[in-house]
Amino acid sequence: MKGIITKVFPDKGFAFLRDTDGITRFIHASWTNGKFDTLQPGVQVDFIPTEGERGEQAKDVVVFIGGAV
């Protein structure tokens, strides 16, 4: 699934994205295959949608080449 990064909290190790269905999803730094430092608002990503105890999540997050939309 595709989405756009909306908020990044580098000091806390997590971020949020909005997917193509308009759902906001949580991203933990460990779910970005070591690329958390490349996330910033407006960057387009591909991910696997999942649901955790606290809501919608995005795992196996990969930044698109070129990044911004």
Protein backbone atom coordinates (compact mmCIF):
# COMPACT_ATOMS: atom_id res chain seq x y z
CA MET A 1 0.00 0.00 0.00
CA LYS A 2 1.13 3.58 -0.55
CA GLY A 3 1.08 6.56 1.78
CA ILE A 4 2.56 9.97 2.60
CA ILE A 5 4.53 10.74 5.76
CA THR A 6 2.66 13.39 7.78
CA LYS A 7 4.63 13.73 11.05
CA VAL A 8 8.02 12.51 12.26
CA PHE A 9 9.29 12.44 15.84
CA PRO A 10 12.99 11.49 15.46
CA ASP A 11 13.77 11.92 19.15
CA LYS A 12 11.01 9.46 20.05
CA GLY A 13 11.60 7.02 17.17
CA PHE A 14 8.21 7.07 15.54
CA ALA A 15 6.24 8.74 12.76
CA PHE A 16 2.80 8.83 11.17
CA LEU A 17 1.58 8.49 7.60
CA ARG A 18 -1.72 8.89 5.78
CA ASP A 19 -2.49 6.03 3.41
CA THR A 20 -4.36 6.20 0.10
CA ASP A 21 -7.64 5.47 1.94
CA GLY A 22 -7.11 8.49 4.22
CA ILE A 23 -6.25 6.39 7.29
CA THR A 24 -3.53 7.69 9.63
CA ARG A 25 -1.06 4.96 10.58
CA PHE A 26 1.67 4.70 13.21
CA ILE A 27 5.25 3.82 12.18
CA HIS A 28 7.92 2.67 14.64
CA ALA A 29 11.56 3.32 13.66
CA SER A 30 12.32 -0.41 13.72
CA TRP A 31 9.74 -1.01 10.95
CA THR A 32 11.66 1.08 8.38
CA ASN A 33 14.51 -1.34 7.59
CA GLY A 34 17.09 1.05 9.01
CA LYS A 35 15.85 4.02 6.95
CA PHE A 36 13.98 5.97 9.65
CA ASP A 37 16.31 8.96 9.18
CA THR A 38 15.05 9.35 5.58
CA LEU A 39 11.44 9.94 6.68
CA GLN A 40 10.13 13.49 6.60
CA PRO A 41 6.72 15.04 5.97
CA GLY A 42 5.65 14.80 2.32
CA VAL A 43 7.77 11.74 1.51
CA GLN A 44 5.90 8.98 -0.30
CA VAL A 45 6.31 5.44 1.04
CA ASP A 46 5.18 1.89 0.41
CA PHE A 47 4.25 -0.31 3.40
CA ILE A 48 2.31 -3.28 4.70
CA PRO A 49 -0.83 -2.21 6.59
CA THR A 50 -1.41 -3.89 9.96
CA GLU A 51 -3.51 -3.31 13.03
CA GLY A 52 -2.08 -3.29 16.54
CA GLU A 53 -3.62 -3.04 19.98
CA ARG A 54 -3.61 0.77 19.71
CA GLY A 55 -4.83 1.08 16.13
CA GLU A 56 -3.63 1.18 12.55
CA GLN A 57 0.08 0.61 11.84
CA ALA A 58 2.44 0.57 8.88
CA LYS A 59 5.22 -2.05 8.80
CA ASP A 60 8.05 -2.78 6.33
CA VAL A 61 8.03 0.91 5.34
CA VAL A 62 10.09 1.70 2.21
CA VAL A 63 10.72 5.22 0.90
CA PHE A 64 10.06 5.71 -2.82
CA ILE A 65 13.04 6.71 -4.91
CA GLY A 66 12.85 10.48 -5.20
CA GLY A 67 10.71 10.56 -2.08
CA ALA A 68 8.57 13.70 -2.22
CA VAL A 69 5.31 13.91 -4.10
